[in-house]
């Protein structure tokens, strides 16, 4: 029998005040930042920085040319590609390590620290994350009929089974690893390449599920 899925935790009352907007035809980095800040807003994380009235922070990838700017204003937050000549703060981060900084921030240290905090919302429970992932991706062409998530708990193996039908895809890992992949904080293929995740399925299913993880990660 599938495990019971608990309802997601509702956002705090102040979180709705943060209106996060991205530019048209947004780059993957802009989408990633936007989705992450919306996750923080939804869960009431780092509300103080998300609702600040002014400030610009440049976000740069440590190993690619990707860059974006977060602009705070009285009516919300705008995220755009590129970096202005003189942002108030700048941070260089590892995009495959949940925005972990790879160098000391420049400019306004408090603003940079607040943004880094906002870019690392707490992970949901792996069960909730699996449910949300399934709801967001189950209708994509080629997605298997059944998704099985397996982890090792205090009392042995635990699993969640979502969907029904003849085709199945199994993903196994530590609870935090599963939560990170299912909520979009981590890229499925990158985590798989690191050896922290195990799968059971066909190569074509892996391709489809990688695309599904990108849908969640980049909110497309």
Foldseek 3Di string as FASTA:
>chain_A
DFDDFDDDDFADPLLVQADEEEDPPADLVLLLLSLLLNVCSRNVFLSVLFQDAFFKEKEAEPPDGWIKMWTHHNRHIYIYTDDDPDGQKYFYAHLQPQRHTPDQIDHDNVNVVSSSRSSCDDFTWLSNLQVVLCVQQVPPPPAFQKEKEWEADPVGIDIGIDGDDDGYKYKYAHRVVSRCQSQQSHQPVVCVVVVRMDMDDDPVNVVSVSVSSSCNSSVD
